[in-house]
Amino acid sequence: MLITSLIGVSLKEFYEKIVMRDLWIFGYGSLIWRPGFTFEQAVPAILHGVHRSLCVYSWVHRGTQDNPGLVFGLDKGGACIGMAFKVSPENWQHTLGYLREREQQTMVYLETHRRVRLLDEEGTKVRAVTFVADQKHEQYAGALPLEDQLQIVKGAVGQSGANPEYVLNTHAHMKEMGIKDQNVEWLARQLSI
């Protein structure tokens, strides 16, 4: 009955009726500092069950297939503080299309809907779309030693620019948000030398 009632329903109506009342996007890497879409509200938030990690080989944005870079992904375990963006209903379809084109060029991420807790006074819980690293994908790098991460990042450039710039920008915005991550801090120090 549910399937037949959804025939001809737009993506916006599907999200509105089935998935969530509000569309929130959870960003943890470059989405923090360059979301690229219109939003109503940006609120720091925490997502449990995954952590931010330079665990994805970048073949497009920050490297190439011949000389891959490393970009952040959400990997299993721990928790991640990032930014939750509330998107108005009239922008849902455009925003999701934009994010899929940006994040899914090689399908290295799994688009998921996760419960995040906004770091507001109420600790509001919302469901948000986010992109988690696919551990079965050939671009999944896993937990590389920091020295290896540094060497990969130092020498990589992709369509969106140099890999060190990506790590340094993400670190700077994490620092502005009060997010501490000793691995990212170490990499930022080494890249700034």
Protein backbone atom coordinates (compact mmCIF):
# COMPACT_ATOMS: atom_id res chain seq x y z
CA MET A 1 0.00 0.00 0.00
CA LEU A 2 2.81 2.41 0.91
CA ILE A 3 4.67 1.80 -2.38
CA THR A 4 1.61 2.43 -4.53
CA SER A 5 0.86 5.61 -2.60
CA LEU A 6 4.36 6.91 -3.45
CA ILE A 7 4.15 6.49 -7.22
CA GLY A 8 4.56 9.90 -8.81
CA VAL A 9 5.70 11.51 -5.55
CA SER A 10 8.54 14.00 -5.91
CA LEU A 11 11.77 13.63 -3.95
CA LYS A 12 10.77 16.60 -1.78
CA GLU A 13 7.39 15.01 -0.99
CA PHE A 14 9.07 11.65 -0.23
CA TYR A 15 11.42 13.23 2.30
CA GLU A 16 8.58 15.30 3.72
CA LYS A 17 6.19 12.34 4.15
CA ILE A 18 8.47 9.40 4.88
CA VAL A 19 11.98 10.32 5.93
CA MET A 20 11.89 13.59 7.85
CA ARG A 21 9.92 16.73 8.45
CA ASP A 22 12.98 18.96 8.20
CA LEU A 23 15.98 18.35 5.99
CA TRP A 24 19.25 18.60 7.87
CA ILE A 25 22.68 17.94 6.37
CA PHE A 26 25.56 16.90 8.66
CA GLY A 27 28.96 18.13 7.46
CA TYR A 28 32.28 17.10 8.99
CA GLY A 29 34.96 18.07 6.40
CA SER A 30 34.84 20.68 3.67
CA LEU A 31 31.06 21.00 4.09
CA ILE A 32 31.82 22.83 7.36
CA TRP A 33 33.64 25.62 5.56
CA ARG A 34 32.27 25.38 2.03
CA PRO A 35 28.76 23.94 2.09
CA GLY A 36 27.89 25.20 -1.40
CA PHE A 37 24.13 25.19 -0.83
CA THR A 38 21.56 27.54 0.67
CA PHE A 39 20.59 26.81 4.26
CA GLU A 40 18.35 28.38 6.89
CA GLN A 41 20.41 27.52 9.92
CA ALA A 42 23.88 26.13 10.76
CA VAL A 43 24.30 24.56 14.20
CA PRO A 44 27.24 22.58 15.61
CA ALA A 45 26.13 18.98 16.16
CA ILE A 46 27.44 15.61 17.28
CA LEU A 47 26.97 12.28 15.54
CA HIS A 48 27.65 9.12 17.55
CA GLY A 49 28.86 5.81 16.12
CA VAL A 50 31.33 7.26 13.60
CA HIS A 51 34.39 9.50 13.70
CA ARG A 52 36.10 11.90 11.29
CA SER A 53 39.11 10.31 9.59
CA LEU A 54 41.33 10.92 6.56
CA CYS A 55 40.28 7.49 5.35
CA VAL A 56 39.27 8.11 1.73
CA TYR A 57 41.66 8.26 -1.23
CA SER A 58 40.63 11.24 -3.36
CA TRP A 59 40.74 10.65 -7.11
CA VAL A 60 38.84 13.81 -8.07
CA HIS A 61 38.71 16.78 -5.69
CA ARG A 62 42.09 16.57 -3.91
CA GLY A 63 44.04 14.09 -6.01
CA THR A 64 43.93 11.91 -9.09
CA GLN A 65 43.77 8.19 -9.68
CA ASP A 66 47.51 8.22 -10.49
CA ASN A 67 48.38 10.43 -7.49
CA PRO A 68 45.54 10.18 -4.96
CA GLY A 69 45.05 12.58 -2.09
CA LEU A 70 43.24 11.92 1.17
CA VAL A 71 39.91 13.39 2.25
CA PHE A 72 37.82 13.02 5.35
CA GLY A 73 35.20 10.36 5.71
CA LEU A 74 33.09 9.16 8.58
CA ASP A 75 34.48 5.82 9.73
CA LYS A 76 33.02 3.36 12.24
CA GLY A 77 33.37 4.00 15.96
CA GLY A 78 33.49 7.00 18.25
CA ALA A 79 31.74 10.29 17.67
CA CYS A 80 32.12 13.29 15.39
CA ILE A 81 31.37 16.94 16.02
CA GLY A 82 30.49 18.78 12.84
CA MET A 83 27.97 21.26 11.49
CA ALA A 84 24.29 20.54 10.90
CA PHE A 85 22.64 22.64 8.20
CA LYS A 86 18.86 23.05 8.05
CA VAL A 87 17.59 23.34 4.49
CA SER A 88 14.22 24.87 3.62
CA PRO A 89 11.75 22.55 1.82
CA GLU A 90 11.89 24.49 -1.46
CA ASN A 91 15.66 23.79 -1.61
CA TRP A 92 15.62 20.08 -0.68
CA GLN A 93 15.73 18.64 -4.18
CA HIS A 94 18.42 21.06 -5.40
CA THR A 95 20.56 20.56 -2.26
CA LEU A 96 20.42 16.76 -2.36
CA GLY A 97 21.20 16.77 -6.09
CA TYR A 98 24.15 19.11 -5.52
CA LEU A 99 25.52 17.01 -2.65
CA ARG A 100 25.20 13.76 -4.58
CA GLU A 101 27.07 15.26 -7.51
CA ARG A 102 29.78 16.68 -5.22
CA GLU A 103 30.22 13.75 -2.83
CA GLN A 104 29.33 10.76 -4.97
CA GLN A 105 31.40 11.14 -8.15
CA THR A 106 33.05 7.77 -7.47
CA MET A 107 30.44 6.39 -5.03
CA VAL A 108 33.00 6.11 -2.20
CA TYR A 109 30.46 7.31 0.37
CA LEU A 110 27.21 5.79 1.53
CA GLU A 111 24.43 8.34 1.81
CA THR A 112 22.78 7.75 5.16
CA HIS A 113 20.20 9.29 7.46
CA ARG A 114 21.46 9.49 11.02
CA ARG A 115 20.22 10.95 14.25
CA VAL A 116 22.44 13.86 15.34
CA ARG A 117 22.23 15.96 18.46
CA LEU A 118 22.44 19.68 17.92
CA LEU A 119 24.79 21.39 20.32
CA ASP A 120 22.17 24.01 21.13
CA GLU A 121 20.75 24.82 24.57
CA GLU A 122 18.07 22.14 24.25
CA GLY A 123 20.29 19.37 22.83
CA THR A 124 17.72 18.96 20.05
CA LYS A 125 17.86 15.65 18.17
CA VAL A 126 17.26 15.69 14.41
CA ARG A 127 17.69 13.27 11.53
CA ALA A 128 20.33 14.39 9.05
CA VAL A 129 21.65 13.26 5.71
CA THR A 130 25.37 12.54 5.85
CA PHE A 131 27.95 10.62 3.86
CA VAL A 132 29.81 7.72 5.51
CA ALA A 133 32.91 6.10 4.03
CA ASP A 134 32.16 2.80 2.29
CA GLN A 135 34.72 0.38 3.72
CA LYS A 136 34.20 -1.96 0.76
CA HIS A 137 35.08 0.68 -1.85
CA GLU A 138 38.53 0.59 -3.48
CA GLN A 139 39.12 4.21 -2.41
CA TYR A 140 38.71 3.36 1.27
CA ALA A 141 42.16 3.90 2.83
CA GLY A 142 41.31 2.87 6.37
CA ALA A 143 43.41 3.99 9.33
CA LEU A 144 46.75 4.90 7.77
CA PRO A 145 49.69 5.89 10.00
CA LEU A 146 49.97 9.67 10.38
CA GLU A 147 53.33 9.80 8.57
CA ASP A 148 51.76 8.04 5.57
CA GLN A 149 48.81 10.43 5.63
CA LEU A 150 51.20 13.38 5.66
CA GLN A 151 53.20 12.13 2.66
CA ILE A 152 50.04 11.45 0.64
CA VAL A 153 48.46 14.82 1.47
CA LYS A 154 51.66 16.81 0.78
CA GLY A 155 51.94 15.71 -2.82
CA ALA A 156 48.34 15.61 -4.02
CA VAL A 157 46.33 18.08 -6.10
CA GLY A 158 42.88 17.59 -7.63
CA GLN A 159 40.10 19.52 -9.35
CA SER A 160 39.24 21.42 -6.16
CA GLY A 161 42.83 22.30 -5.33
CA ALA A 162 45.80 21.18 -3.29
CA ASN A 163 45.27 18.50 -0.66
CA PRO A 164 47.21 20.39 2.07
CA GLU A 165 44.85 23.38 1.62
CA TYR A 166 41.85 21.09 2.25
CA VAL A 167 43.33 19.67 5.48
CA LEU A 168 44.46 23.12 6.71
CA ASN A 169 41.06 24.73 5.97
CA THR A 170 39.22 21.93 7.71
CA HIS A 171 41.56 22.17 10.71
CA ALA A 172 41.13 25.98 10.92
CA HIS A 173 37.34 25.68 10.95
CA MET A 174 37.41 22.81 13.43
CA LYS A 175 39.55 25.01 15.68
CA GLU A 176 37.06 27.90 15.32
CA MET A 177 34.31 25.50 16.44
CA GLY A 178 36.39 24.31 19.41
CA ILE A 179 36.79 20.80 17.96
CA LYS A 180 39.97 19.08 19.10
CA ASP A 181 41.44 16.24 17.07
CA GLN A 182 45.08 15.48 17.83
CA ASN A 183 45.66 13.71 14.50
CA VAL A 184 44.31 16.61 12.44
CA GLU A 185 46.22 19.06 14.65
CA TRP A 186 49.48 17.15 14.12
CA LEU A 187 48.94 17.06 10.35
CA ALA A 188 48.17 20.79 10.28
CA ARG A 189 51.37 21.56 12.20
CA GLN A 190 53.44 19.42 9.83
CA LEU A 191 51.82 20.94 6.73
CA SER A 192 52.48 24.46 8.05
CA ILE A 193 56.25 23.91 8.42
